[in-house]
């Protein structure tokens, strides 16, 4: 498996939750507003509890969270809201999150990209991020493309083996071990070259990929 980076925010350990959206009364709307505000708490336990509450409410809170993400200025509430939307798994969130990928803050874009993982099955959600100036976003895009498990993406992933940052190169080489086969001579050359990389991390990922491909030939 690809080694994933730690989550940017406190992530409740919930399965993806996708109930039918019930009609909500004024008291439920007030509860949703209260929970959204608590997403901005400085205390992790309060944010965790608020996210759990919103997830339990299900699709009823999706549109409220979408409106929150459309605000010009983001704070901790929006970052946590992205995570909640990912857990809810409503495909209506994909275009909202894709628009948020244009935000100026590196950590904001990184949170949004993580929110799209597992929610968007279209490679186009992640391709532009491969050219992002922030290395963590490029690495996250490599992870996301590998998550799709689409063999045709292996050559795009291979191109990231030339990235200037070793953790991005390592993620790409790791991904080739998952997406590639021993019949891919060009990819074998990429992995072999990575065995000579100046970074010990990249070399270790290349060694893992070689072993993995041999076991699954």
N, C-alpha and C. Protein backbone atom coordinates (compact mmCIF):
# COMPACT_ATOMS: atom_id res chain seq x y z
N UNK A 1 0.84 -1.20 0.00
CA UNK A 1 0.00 0.00 0.00
C UNK A 1 0.87 1.25 0.00
N UNK A 2 0.35 2.32 -0.55
CA UNK A 2 1.08 3.58 -0.55
C UNK A 2 1.04 4.18 0.84
N UNK A 3 2.19 4.62 1.31
CA UNK A 3 2.24 5.26 2.62
C UNK A 3 1.64 6.64 2.51
N UNK A 4 0.55 6.89 3.20
CA UNK A 4 -0.14 8.17 3.11
C UNK A 4 0.33 9.11 4.21
N UNK A 5 0.34 10.41 3.93
CA UNK A 5 0.76 11.37 4.95
C UNK A 5 -0.30 11.49 6.02
N UNK A 6 0.07 12.02 7.19
CA UNK A 6 -0.94 12.21 8.24
C UNK A 6 -2.00 13.20 7.79
N UNK A 7 -3.22 13.00 8.28
CA UNK A 7 -4.31 13.90 7.92
C UNK A 7 -4.04 15.30 8.44
N UNK A 8 -4.50 16.27 7.69
CA UNK A 8 -4.29 17.66 8.05
C UNK A 8 -5.11 18.06 9.26
N UNK A 9 -6.23 17.38 9.46
CA UNK A 9 -7.11 17.75 10.56
C UNK A 9 -7.51 16.50 11.32
N UNK A 10 -8.07 16.70 12.47
CA UNK A 10 -8.51 15.56 13.28
C UNK A 10 -9.63 14.84 12.56
N UNK A 11 -9.39 13.61 12.19
CA UNK A 11 -10.35 12.88 11.37
C UNK A 11 -11.06 11.82 12.18
N UNK A 12 -12.37 11.96 12.40
CA UNK A 12 -13.10 10.90 13.08
C UNK A 12 -13.01 9.60 12.29
N UNK A 13 -12.87 8.51 12.99
CA UNK A 13 -12.71 7.22 12.32
C UNK A 13 -14.07 6.66 11.94
N UNK A 14 -14.73 7.31 10.98
CA UNK A 14 -16.04 6.87 10.54
C UNK A 14 -15.95 6.24 9.17
N UNK A 15 -16.85 5.31 8.90
CA UNK A 15 -17.02 4.84 7.54
C UNK A 15 -17.75 5.92 6.76
N UNK A 16 -17.61 5.88 5.42
CA UNK A 16 -18.33 6.85 4.61
C UNK A 16 -19.82 6.70 4.86
N UNK A 17 -20.48 7.82 5.09
CA UNK A 17 -21.87 7.82 5.54
C UNK A 17 -22.71 8.54 4.50
N UNK A 18 -23.76 7.89 4.03
CA UNK A 18 -24.51 8.49 2.93
C UNK A 18 -26.00 8.17 3.03
N UNK A 19 -26.65 8.60 4.12
CA UNK A 19 -28.08 8.34 4.25
C UNK A 19 -28.89 9.29 3.39
N UNK A 20 -30.14 8.95 3.20
CA UNK A 20 -31.03 9.88 2.51
C UNK A 20 -31.17 11.15 3.34
N UNK A 21 -31.25 12.28 2.67
CA UNK A 21 -31.37 13.54 3.39
C UNK A 21 -32.80 13.71 3.91
N UNK A 22 -32.98 13.74 5.22
CA UNK A 22 -34.33 13.91 5.75
C UNK A 22 -34.74 15.37 5.71
N UNK A 23 -36.03 15.66 5.63
CA UNK A 23 -36.45 17.05 5.74
C UNK A 23 -36.11 17.56 7.13
N UNK A 24 -35.50 18.74 7.23
CA UNK A 24 -35.09 19.19 8.55
C UNK A 24 -35.95 20.36 9.01
N UNK A 25 -36.24 20.35 10.29
CA UNK A 25 -37.05 21.39 10.89
C UNK A 25 -36.14 22.50 11.39
N UNK A 26 -36.70 23.62 11.84
CA UNK A 26 -35.87 24.73 12.31
C UNK A 26 -34.89 24.34 13.41
N UNK A 27 -35.31 23.45 14.29
CA UNK A 27 -34.41 23.07 15.38
C UNK A 27 -33.20 22.29 14.84
N UNK A 28 -33.44 21.48 13.80
CA UNK A 28 -32.32 20.75 13.20
C UNK A 28 -31.37 21.71 12.49
N UNK A 29 -31.93 22.72 11.84
CA UNK A 29 -31.09 23.70 11.17
C UNK A 29 -30.22 24.45 12.18
N UNK A 30 -30.80 24.79 13.31
CA UNK A 30 -30.03 25.45 14.36
C UNK A 30 -28.91 24.54 14.87
N UNK A 31 -29.22 23.26 14.99
CA UNK A 31 -28.21 22.30 15.44
C UNK A 31 -27.06 22.22 14.44
N UNK A 32 -27.39 22.21 13.14
CA UNK A 32 -26.35 22.17 12.12
C UNK A 32 -25.47 23.41 12.19
N UNK A 33 -26.09 24.57 12.36
CA UNK A 33 -25.32 25.81 12.46
C UNK A 33 -24.39 25.78 13.67
N UNK A 34 -24.90 25.26 14.77
CA UNK A 34 -24.10 25.17 15.98
C UNK A 34 -22.89 24.25 15.77
N UNK A 35 -23.14 23.12 15.12
CA UNK A 35 -22.05 22.17 14.88
C UNK A 35 -21.01 22.75 13.93
N UNK A 36 -21.47 23.48 12.92
CA UNK A 36 -20.53 24.10 11.98
C UNK A 36 -19.62 25.09 12.71
N UNK A 37 -20.18 25.88 13.60
CA UNK A 37 -19.36 26.83 14.34
C UNK A 37 -18.35 26.11 15.22
N UNK A 38 -18.75 24.96 15.76
CA UNK A 38 -17.84 24.21 16.63
C UNK A 38 -16.70 23.57 15.84
N UNK A 39 -16.86 23.46 14.53
CA UNK A 39 -15.75 22.97 13.71
C UNK A 39 -14.54 23.90 13.79
N UNK A 40 -14.79 25.14 14.17
CA UNK A 40 -13.70 26.11 14.25
C UNK A 40 -13.03 26.18 15.61
N UNK A 41 -13.41 25.29 16.52
CA UNK A 41 -12.83 25.31 17.86
C UNK A 41 -11.33 25.05 17.83
N UNK A 42 -10.62 25.63 18.79
CA UNK A 42 -9.19 25.36 18.94
C UNK A 42 -8.95 24.01 19.59
N UNK A 43 -9.99 23.41 20.16
CA UNK A 43 -9.85 22.12 20.84
C UNK A 43 -10.21 20.98 19.90
N UNK A 44 -9.28 20.05 19.75
CA UNK A 44 -9.48 18.94 18.82
C UNK A 44 -10.71 18.11 19.18
N UNK A 45 -10.92 17.88 20.46
CA UNK A 45 -12.05 17.04 20.88
C UNK A 45 -13.38 17.67 20.46
N UNK A 46 -13.47 18.99 20.54
CA UNK A 46 -14.71 19.67 20.14
C UNK A 46 -14.90 19.57 18.63
N UNK A 47 -13.82 19.75 17.87
CA UNK A 47 -13.92 19.62 16.42
C UNK A 47 -14.33 18.20 16.04
N UNK A 48 -13.74 17.24 16.71
CA UNK A 48 -14.05 15.82 16.46
C UNK A 48 -15.54 15.56 16.69
N UNK A 49 -16.04 16.04 17.82
CA UNK A 49 -17.44 15.83 18.18
C UNK A 49 -18.37 16.52 17.19
N UNK A 50 -18.00 17.73 16.76
CA UNK A 50 -18.84 18.47 15.81
C UNK A 50 -18.88 17.76 14.46
N UNK A 51 -17.73 17.28 14.00
CA UNK A 51 -17.70 16.54 12.73
C UNK A 51 -18.55 15.29 12.82
N UNK A 52 -18.45 14.58 13.95
CA UNK A 52 -19.25 13.37 14.14
C UNK A 52 -20.74 13.70 14.10
N UNK A 53 -21.12 14.81 14.73
CA UNK A 53 -22.53 15.20 14.73
C UNK A 53 -23.04 15.51 13.34
N UNK A 54 -22.24 16.21 12.55
CA UNK A 54 -22.65 16.54 11.18
C UNK A 54 -22.76 15.28 10.32
N UNK A 55 -21.85 14.36 10.51
CA UNK A 55 -21.90 13.12 9.74
C UNK A 55 -23.14 12.32 10.10
N UNK A 56 -23.51 12.34 11.37
CA UNK A 56 -24.74 11.63 11.77
C UNK A 56 -25.97 12.26 11.14
N UNK A 57 -25.95 13.58 10.96
CA UNK A 57 -27.09 14.24 10.32
C UNK A 57 -27.19 13.90 8.84
N UNK A 58 -26.09 13.48 8.25
CA UNK A 58 -26.12 13.00 6.88
C UNK A 58 -26.26 14.11 5.84
N UNK A 59 -26.94 13.79 4.76
CA UNK A 59 -27.00 14.69 3.61
C UNK A 59 -27.75 15.98 3.89
N UNK A 60 -28.46 16.04 5.00
CA UNK A 60 -29.18 17.26 5.33
C UNK A 60 -28.25 18.45 5.49
N UNK A 61 -26.98 18.19 5.84
CA UNK A 61 -26.06 19.31 6.10
C UNK A 61 -25.16 19.62 4.91
N UNK A 62 -25.28 18.89 3.81
CA UNK A 62 -24.36 19.06 2.69
C UNK A 62 -24.41 20.46 2.11
N UNK A 63 -25.60 20.97 1.83
CA UNK A 63 -25.71 22.29 1.20
C UNK A 63 -25.19 23.39 2.11
N UNK A 64 -25.40 23.24 3.41
CA UNK A 64 -24.87 24.22 4.35
C UNK A 64 -23.34 24.23 4.30
N UNK A 65 -22.74 23.06 4.22
CA UNK A 65 -21.28 22.97 4.14
C UNK A 65 -20.78 23.52 2.81
N UNK A 66 -21.54 23.31 1.74
CA UNK A 66 -21.15 23.88 0.45
C UNK A 66 -21.10 25.40 0.53
N UNK A 67 -22.10 26.00 1.15
CA UNK A 67 -22.12 27.45 1.29
C UNK A 67 -20.93 27.94 2.11
N UNK A 68 -20.57 27.16 3.11
CA UNK A 68 -19.42 27.52 3.94
C UNK A 68 -18.14 27.57 3.10
N UNK A 69 -17.99 26.62 2.18
CA UNK A 69 -16.77 26.57 1.36
C UNK A 69 -16.72 27.67 0.32
N UNK A 70 -17.86 28.27 0.03
CA UNK A 70 -17.89 29.35 -0.97
C UNK A 70 -17.47 30.69 -0.40
N UNK A 71 -17.28 30.77 0.91
CA UNK A 71 -16.86 32.03 1.52
C UNK A 71 -15.46 32.41 1.06
N UNK A 72 -15.23 33.71 0.97
CA UNK A 72 -13.96 34.20 0.47
C UNK A 72 -12.80 33.85 1.38
N UNK A 73 -13.01 34.01 2.68
CA UNK A 73 -11.96 33.75 3.66
C UNK A 73 -12.24 32.44 4.37
N UNK A 74 -11.21 31.62 4.46
CA UNK A 74 -11.34 30.33 5.13
C UNK A 74 -10.65 30.36 6.49
N UNK A 75 -11.19 29.55 7.40
CA UNK A 75 -10.54 29.30 8.68
C UNK A 75 -10.64 27.80 8.96
N UNK A 76 -10.49 27.42 10.19
CA UNK A 76 -10.51 26.00 10.53
C UNK A 76 -11.84 25.33 10.18
N UNK A 77 -12.93 26.08 10.22
CA UNK A 77 -14.25 25.50 9.92
C UNK A 77 -14.29 24.91 8.51
N UNK A 78 -13.78 25.66 7.55
CA UNK A 78 -13.81 25.18 6.17
C UNK A 78 -12.92 23.95 5.99
N UNK A 79 -11.77 23.97 6.65
CA UNK A 79 -10.86 22.84 6.51
C UNK A 79 -11.51 21.56 7.04
N UNK A 80 -12.19 21.68 8.17
CA UNK A 80 -12.87 20.52 8.74
C UNK A 80 -14.10 20.14 7.91
N UNK A 81 -14.77 21.14 7.34
CA UNK A 81 -15.96 20.87 6.52
C UNK A 81 -15.60 20.02 5.31
N UNK A 82 -14.43 20.26 4.74
CA UNK A 82 -13.98 19.45 3.61
C UNK A 82 -13.91 17.98 4.01
N UNK A 83 -13.37 17.74 5.18
CA UNK A 83 -13.26 16.37 5.68
C UNK A 83 -14.65 15.74 5.88
N UNK A 84 -15.59 16.51 6.43
CA UNK A 84 -16.94 15.99 6.65
C UNK A 84 -17.59 15.64 5.31
N UNK A 85 -17.43 16.51 4.32
CA UNK A 85 -18.02 16.24 3.00
C UNK A 85 -17.43 14.96 2.39
N UNK A 86 -16.15 14.76 2.59
CA UNK A 86 -15.53 13.54 2.09
C UNK A 86 -16.17 12.32 2.74
N UNK A 87 -16.39 12.39 4.05
CA UNK A 87 -16.99 11.26 4.77
C UNK A 87 -18.44 11.02 4.34
N UNK A 88 -19.15 12.08 4.03
CA UNK A 88 -20.54 11.92 3.62
C UNK A 88 -20.65 11.28 2.24
N UNK A 89 -19.66 11.52 1.39
CA UNK A 89 -19.60 10.82 0.11
C UNK A 89 -20.63 11.25 -0.92
N UNK A 90 -21.15 12.46 -0.80
CA UNK A 90 -22.16 12.95 -1.75
C UNK A 90 -21.45 13.52 -2.98
N UNK A 91 -21.72 12.96 -4.15
CA UNK A 91 -21.05 13.40 -5.37
C UNK A 91 -21.34 14.85 -5.72
N UNK A 92 -22.39 15.43 -5.15
CA UNK A 92 -22.66 16.85 -5.41
C UNK A 92 -21.53 17.73 -4.88
N UNK A 93 -20.73 17.19 -3.98
CA UNK A 93 -19.64 17.97 -3.41
C UNK A 93 -18.44 18.08 -4.34
N UNK A 94 -18.36 17.21 -5.34
CA UNK A 94 -17.18 17.20 -6.21
C UNK A 94 -16.96 18.54 -6.91
N UNK A 95 -17.96 19.12 -7.61
CA UNK A 95 -17.69 20.40 -8.27
C UNK A 95 -17.38 21.53 -7.29
N UNK A 96 -17.97 21.49 -6.12
CA UNK A 96 -17.69 22.52 -5.10
C UNK A 96 -16.23 22.42 -4.66
N UNK A 97 -15.77 21.21 -4.43
CA UNK A 97 -14.39 21.01 -4.00
C UNK A 97 -13.42 21.32 -5.14
N UNK A 98 -13.78 20.98 -6.35
CA UNK A 98 -12.88 21.26 -7.47
C UNK A 98 -12.66 22.75 -7.64
N UNK A 99 -13.71 23.53 -7.44
CA UNK A 99 -13.54 24.99 -7.53
C UNK A 99 -12.63 25.49 -6.41
N UNK A 100 -12.70 24.84 -5.26
CA UNK A 100 -11.88 25.26 -4.13
C UNK A 100 -10.41 24.94 -4.33
N UNK A 101 -10.08 24.09 -5.31
CA UNK A 101 -8.68 23.79 -5.60
C UNK A 101 -7.93 25.02 -6.11
N UNK A 102 -8.66 26.06 -6.49
CA UNK A 102 -8.03 27.28 -6.98
C UNK A 102 -7.68 28.26 -5.87
N UNK A 103 -7.89 27.88 -4.63
CA UNK A 103 -7.60 28.79 -3.53
C UNK A 103 -6.10 29.04 -3.42
N UNK A 104 -5.76 30.19 -2.85
CA UNK A 104 -4.36 30.60 -2.81
C UNK A 104 -3.53 29.93 -1.74
N UNK A 105 -4.16 29.49 -0.65
CA UNK A 105 -3.40 28.91 0.45
C UNK A 105 -2.97 27.47 0.18
N UNK A 106 -1.70 27.18 0.41
CA UNK A 106 -1.20 25.82 0.17
C UNK A 106 -1.95 24.79 1.01
N UNK A 107 -2.13 25.07 2.30
CA UNK A 107 -2.80 24.11 3.17
C UNK A 107 -4.27 23.96 2.81
N UNK A 108 -4.87 25.02 2.31
CA UNK A 108 -6.27 24.94 1.88
C UNK A 108 -6.39 24.01 0.67
N UNK A 109 -5.52 24.20 -0.31
CA UNK A 109 -5.57 23.33 -1.50
C UNK A 109 -5.26 21.88 -1.13
N UNK A 110 -4.34 21.70 -0.21
CA UNK A 110 -4.00 20.34 0.21
C UNK A 110 -5.21 19.67 0.88
N UNK A 111 -5.90 20.40 1.74
CA UNK A 111 -7.09 19.86 2.40
C UNK A 111 -8.16 19.49 1.38
N UNK A 112 -8.35 20.35 0.39
CA UNK A 112 -9.37 20.09 -0.63
C UNK A 112 -9.01 18.86 -1.46
N UNK A 113 -7.74 18.75 -1.82
CA UNK A 113 -7.32 17.59 -2.61
C UNK A 113 -7.55 16.30 -1.83
N UNK A 114 -7.24 16.33 -0.55
CA UNK A 114 -7.51 15.15 0.29
C UNK A 114 -9.01 14.88 0.38
N UNK A 115 -9.80 15.95 0.38
CA UNK A 115 -11.24 15.77 0.41
C UNK A 115 -11.78 15.10 -0.84
N UNK A 116 -11.11 15.33 -1.96
CA UNK A 116 -11.55 14.74 -3.23
C UNK A 116 -11.16 13.27 -3.35
N UNK A 117 -10.13 12.85 -2.62
CA UNK A 117 -9.70 11.45 -2.69
C UNK A 117 -10.81 10.53 -2.20
N UNK A 118 -11.14 9.56 -2.99
CA UNK A 118 -12.20 8.64 -2.63
C UNK A 118 -13.58 9.15 -2.98
N UNK A 119 -13.67 10.43 -3.31
CA UNK A 119 -14.95 11.03 -3.66
C UNK A 119 -15.06 11.24 -5.16
N UNK A 120 -13.93 11.59 -5.78
CA UNK A 120 -13.90 11.82 -7.22
C UNK A 120 -13.15 10.68 -7.89
N UNK A 121 -13.79 10.01 -8.83
CA UNK A 121 -13.15 8.90 -9.54
C UNK A 121 -12.63 9.32 -10.91
N UNK A 122 -12.66 10.62 -11.18
CA UNK A 122 -12.21 11.16 -12.46
C UNK A 122 -10.77 11.67 -12.29
N UNK A 123 -9.86 11.15 -13.10
CA UNK A 123 -8.46 11.56 -12.98
C UNK A 123 -8.26 13.05 -13.15
N UNK A 124 -9.17 13.71 -13.88
CA UNK A 124 -9.01 15.14 -14.12
C UNK A 124 -9.08 15.96 -12.84
N UNK A 125 -9.64 15.37 -11.77
CA UNK A 125 -9.67 16.06 -10.48
C UNK A 125 -8.27 16.30 -9.94
N UNK A 126 -7.31 15.49 -10.37
CA UNK A 126 -6.00 15.48 -9.73
C UNK A 126 -4.83 15.84 -10.65
N UNK A 127 -5.06 15.86 -11.95
CA UNK A 127 -3.93 16.05 -12.87
C UNK A 127 -3.28 17.41 -12.73
N UNK A 128 -4.07 18.47 -12.60
CA UNK A 128 -3.48 19.81 -12.49
C UNK A 128 -2.62 19.93 -11.24
N UNK A 129 -3.00 19.20 -10.19
CA UNK A 129 -2.26 19.29 -8.93
C UNK A 129 -0.85 18.72 -9.05
N UNK A 130 -0.59 17.93 -10.08
CA UNK A 130 0.76 17.40 -10.28
C UNK A 130 1.77 18.51 -10.59
N UNK A 131 1.26 19.67 -10.99
CA UNK A 131 2.14 20.80 -11.31
C UNK A 131 2.08 21.90 -10.26
N UNK A 132 1.44 21.61 -9.14
CA UNK A 132 1.33 22.61 -8.08
C UNK A 132 2.72 22.94 -7.52
N UNK A 133 2.97 24.21 -7.18
CA UNK A 133 4.29 24.55 -6.62
C UNK A 133 4.56 23.96 -5.25
N UNK A 134 3.52 23.56 -4.52
CA UNK A 134 3.68 23.01 -3.17
C UNK A 134 3.88 21.50 -3.28
N UNK A 135 5.01 21.00 -2.79
CA UNK A 135 5.36 19.59 -3.00
C UNK A 135 4.36 18.63 -2.36
N UNK A 136 3.79 18.99 -1.21
CA UNK A 136 2.84 18.08 -0.56
C UNK A 136 1.59 17.87 -1.43
N UNK A 137 1.21 18.90 -2.17
CA UNK A 137 0.06 18.77 -3.05
C UNK A 137 0.39 17.85 -4.22
N UNK A 138 1.60 17.99 -4.76
CA UNK A 138 2.00 17.09 -5.85
C UNK A 138 2.01 15.64 -5.36
N UNK A 139 2.54 15.43 -4.16
CA UNK A 139 2.56 14.07 -3.62
C UNK A 139 1.15 13.54 -3.41
N UNK A 140 0.27 14.39 -2.87
CA UNK A 140 -1.11 13.96 -2.64
C UNK A 140 -1.80 13.60 -3.96
N UNK A 141 -1.48 14.34 -5.02
CA UNK A 141 -2.06 14.03 -6.33
C UNK A 141 -1.58 12.67 -6.83
N UNK A 142 -0.31 12.35 -6.58
CA UNK A 142 0.20 11.02 -6.95
C UNK A 142 -0.56 9.95 -6.18
N UNK A 143 -0.73 10.14 -4.87
CA UNK A 143 -1.49 9.18 -4.07
C UNK A 143 -2.89 9.00 -4.65
N UNK A 144 -3.54 10.12 -4.97
CA UNK A 144 -4.92 10.06 -5.46
C UNK A 144 -5.02 9.30 -6.77
N UNK A 145 -4.09 9.54 -7.68
CA UNK A 145 -4.12 8.83 -8.96
C UNK A 145 -3.89 7.33 -8.75
N UNK A 146 -3.00 6.99 -7.83
CA UNK A 146 -2.77 5.57 -7.56
C UNK A 146 -4.00 4.93 -6.91
N UNK A 147 -4.72 5.70 -6.10
CA UNK A 147 -5.95 5.18 -5.49
C UNK A 147 -6.96 4.73 -6.55
N UNK A 148 -6.94 5.38 -7.71
CA UNK A 148 -7.91 5.06 -8.76
C UNK A 148 -7.66 3.68 -9.37
N UNK A 149 -6.45 3.17 -9.20
CA UNK A 149 -6.08 1.84 -9.69
C UNK A 149 -6.41 1.67 -11.18
N UNK A 150 -6.12 2.69 -11.96
CA UNK A 150 -6.33 2.63 -13.40
C UNK A 150 -4.97 2.45 -14.07
N UNK A 151 -4.73 1.29 -14.67
CA UNK A 151 -3.39 0.99 -15.22
C UNK A 151 -2.87 2.05 -16.19
N UNK A 152 -3.76 2.70 -16.93
CA UNK A 152 -3.29 3.67 -17.92
C UNK A 152 -2.66 4.90 -17.27
N UNK A 153 -2.87 5.06 -15.96
CA UNK A 153 -2.29 6.22 -15.27
C UNK A 153 -0.84 6.00 -14.88
N UNK A 154 -0.32 4.79 -15.07
CA UNK A 154 1.02 4.49 -14.58
C UNK A 154 2.08 5.34 -15.26
N UNK A 155 1.85 5.74 -16.51
CA UNK A 155 2.86 6.54 -17.20
C UNK A 155 2.84 7.99 -16.72
N UNK A 156 1.65 8.47 -16.32
CA UNK A 156 1.58 9.80 -15.71
C UNK A 156 2.29 9.78 -14.36
N UNK A 157 2.04 8.73 -13.58
CA UNK A 157 2.71 8.59 -12.29
C UNK A 157 4.23 8.49 -12.49
N UNK A 158 4.64 7.76 -13.52
CA UNK A 158 6.08 7.59 -13.79
C UNK A 158 6.76 8.93 -14.05
N UNK A 159 6.04 9.86 -14.67
CA UNK A 159 6.64 11.16 -14.96
C UNK A 159 7.01 11.91 -13.69
N UNK A 160 6.34 11.58 -12.58
CA UNK A 160 6.62 12.27 -11.32
C UNK A 160 7.87 11.71 -10.62
N UNK A 161 8.45 10.66 -11.19
CA UNK A 161 9.70 10.13 -10.64
C UNK A 161 10.86 11.10 -10.87
N UNK A 162 10.62 12.15 -11.66
CA UNK A 162 11.64 13.17 -11.90
C UNK A 162 11.40 14.43 -11.08
N UNK A 163 10.43 14.38 -10.18
CA UNK A 163 10.09 15.57 -9.38
C UNK A 163 11.30 16.00 -8.54
N UNK A 164 11.47 17.30 -8.32
CA UNK A 164 12.61 17.75 -7.52
C UNK A 164 12.55 17.34 -6.05
N UNK A 165 11.36 17.03 -5.53
CA UNK A 165 11.27 16.68 -4.10
C UNK A 165 11.32 15.17 -3.93
N UNK A 166 12.18 14.67 -3.03
CA UNK A 166 12.33 13.22 -2.89
C UNK A 166 11.07 12.50 -2.43
N UNK A 167 10.23 13.14 -1.62
CA UNK A 167 9.02 12.46 -1.16
C UNK A 167 7.99 12.32 -2.28
N UNK A 168 8.02 13.23 -3.23
CA UNK A 168 7.16 13.08 -4.41
C UNK A 168 7.70 11.97 -5.30
N UNK A 169 9.02 11.97 -5.52
CA UNK A 169 9.62 10.91 -6.33
C UNK A 169 9.36 9.54 -5.69
N UNK A 170 9.52 9.47 -4.38
CA UNK A 170 9.28 8.21 -3.69
C UNK A 170 7.85 7.73 -3.83
N UNK A 171 6.89 8.66 -3.74
CA UNK A 171 5.48 8.29 -3.90
C UNK A 171 5.22 7.76 -5.31
N UNK A 172 5.85 8.39 -6.30
CA UNK A 172 5.66 7.95 -7.68
C UNK A 172 6.24 6.55 -7.90
N UNK A 173 7.44 6.32 -7.39
CA UNK A 173 8.06 5.00 -7.55
C UNK A 173 7.26 3.94 -6.81
N UNK A 174 6.79 4.27 -5.62
CA UNK A 174 5.93 3.37 -4.86
C UNK A 174 4.67 3.05 -5.67
N UNK A 175 4.09 4.07 -6.28
CA UNK A 175 2.88 3.88 -7.08
C UNK A 175 3.11 2.97 -8.28
N UNK A 176 4.29 3.06 -8.88
CA UNK A 176 4.58 2.20 -10.03
C UNK A 176 4.62 0.74 -9.62
N UNK A 177 5.05 0.48 -8.40
CA UNK A 177 5.05 -0.90 -7.92
C UNK A 177 3.64 -1.45 -7.78
N UNK A 178 2.68 -0.55 -7.59
CA UNK A 178 1.29 -0.96 -7.43
C UNK A 178 0.57 -1.03 -8.79
N UNK A 179 0.81 -0.02 -9.63
CA UNK A 179 0.09 0.07 -10.89
C UNK A 179 0.75 -0.70 -12.03
N UNK A 180 2.05 -0.92 -11.94
CA UNK A 180 2.78 -1.51 -13.06
C UNK A 180 2.74 -3.02 -13.06
N UNK A 181 3.34 -3.59 -14.11
CA UNK A 181 3.52 -5.03 -14.22
C UNK A 181 4.93 -5.28 -14.73
N UNK A 182 5.36 -6.52 -14.64
CA UNK A 182 6.71 -6.83 -15.12
C UNK A 182 6.81 -6.77 -16.64
N UNK A 183 5.69 -6.62 -17.31
CA UNK A 183 5.74 -6.50 -18.77
C UNK A 183 5.99 -5.06 -19.20
N UNK A 184 6.01 -4.13 -18.25
CA UNK A 184 6.23 -2.72 -18.57
C UNK A 184 7.72 -2.41 -18.53
N UNK A 185 8.39 -2.64 -19.64
CA UNK A 185 9.84 -2.46 -19.68
C UNK A 185 10.22 -1.01 -19.37
N UNK A 186 9.47 -0.06 -19.93
CA UNK A 186 9.80 1.35 -19.69
C UNK A 186 9.70 1.69 -18.21
N UNK A 187 8.69 1.14 -17.55
CA UNK A 187 8.53 1.43 -16.13
C UNK A 187 9.60 0.73 -15.30
N UNK A 188 10.01 -0.45 -15.74
CA UNK A 188 11.10 -1.13 -15.04
C UNK A 188 12.37 -0.30 -15.09
N UNK A 189 12.59 0.38 -16.21
CA UNK A 189 13.77 1.24 -16.33
C UNK A 189 13.67 2.41 -15.36
N UNK A 190 12.46 3.00 -15.25
CA UNK A 190 12.26 4.11 -14.32
C UNK A 190 12.56 3.66 -12.89
N UNK A 191 12.05 2.49 -12.52
CA UNK A 191 12.27 1.97 -11.17
C UNK A 191 13.75 1.65 -10.96
N UNK A 192 14.38 1.05 -11.97
CA UNK A 192 15.80 0.72 -11.86
C UNK A 192 16.64 1.98 -11.66
N UNK A 193 16.31 3.03 -12.39
CA UNK A 193 17.03 4.29 -12.22
C UNK A 193 16.85 4.84 -10.81
N UNK A 194 15.66 4.63 -10.25
CA UNK A 194 15.39 5.14 -8.90
C UNK A 194 16.21 4.41 -7.85
N UNK A 195 16.68 3.21 -8.16
CA UNK A 195 17.56 2.49 -7.23
C UNK A 195 18.88 3.22 -7.02
N UNK A 196 19.18 4.15 -7.94
CA UNK A 196 20.42 4.94 -7.85
C UNK A 196 20.13 6.38 -7.43
N UNK A 197 18.90 6.65 -7.01
CA UNK A 197 18.53 8.02 -6.64
C UNK A 197 19.39 8.51 -5.47
N UNK A 198 19.62 9.81 -5.43
CA UNK A 198 20.43 10.39 -4.35
C UNK A 198 19.73 10.32 -3.00
N UNK A 199 18.40 10.11 -3.01
CA UNK A 199 17.63 10.04 -1.76
C UNK A 199 17.49 8.59 -1.31
N UNK A 200 17.83 8.34 -0.05
CA UNK A 200 17.67 6.99 0.50
C UNK A 200 16.21 6.56 0.49
N UNK A 201 15.29 7.52 0.73
CA UNK A 201 13.86 7.20 0.73
C UNK A 201 13.41 6.71 -0.64
N UNK A 202 13.84 7.39 -1.69
CA UNK A 202 13.46 6.98 -3.04
C UNK A 202 14.04 5.61 -3.35
N UNK A 203 15.28 5.38 -2.96
CA UNK A 203 15.90 4.08 -3.21
C UNK A 203 15.13 2.96 -2.50
N UNK A 204 14.67 3.24 -1.28
CA UNK A 204 13.93 2.21 -0.54
C UNK A 204 12.58 1.93 -1.21
N UNK A 205 11.93 2.97 -1.74
CA UNK A 205 10.67 2.76 -2.45
C UNK A 205 10.89 1.97 -3.74
N UNK A 206 12.01 2.24 -4.40
CA UNK A 206 12.32 1.50 -5.63
C UNK A 206 12.56 0.02 -5.32
N UNK A 207 13.28 -0.24 -4.24
CA UNK A 207 13.53 -1.64 -3.85
C UNK A 207 12.22 -2.35 -3.53
N UNK A 208 11.31 -1.65 -2.84
CA UNK A 208 10.01 -2.23 -2.53
C UNK A 208 9.25 -2.55 -3.82
N UNK A 209 9.26 -1.62 -4.77
CA UNK A 209 8.52 -1.82 -6.02
C UNK A 209 9.07 -3.00 -6.81
N UNK A 210 10.39 -3.14 -6.81
CA UNK A 210 10.99 -4.29 -7.50
C UNK A 210 10.49 -5.59 -6.88
N UNK A 211 10.52 -5.68 -5.55
CA UNK A 211 10.06 -6.90 -4.87
C UNK A 211 8.58 -7.14 -5.13
N UNK A 212 7.79 -6.06 -5.09
CA UNK A 212 6.34 -6.20 -5.28
C UNK A 212 6.02 -6.70 -6.68
N UNK A 213 6.68 -6.16 -7.68
CA UNK A 213 6.41 -6.59 -9.05
C UNK A 213 6.83 -8.04 -9.27
N UNK A 214 7.91 -8.45 -8.63
CA UNK A 214 8.35 -9.84 -8.78
C UNK A 214 7.34 -10.80 -8.16
N UNK A 215 6.73 -10.39 -7.04
CA UNK A 215 5.75 -11.26 -6.38
C UNK A 215 4.45 -11.35 -7.16
N UNK A 216 4.18 -10.35 -8.01
CA UNK A 216 2.91 -10.30 -8.71
C UNK A 216 3.08 -10.40 -10.22
N UNK A 217 4.11 -11.08 -10.64
CA UNK A 217 4.34 -11.22 -12.08
C UNK A 217 3.35 -12.21 -12.69
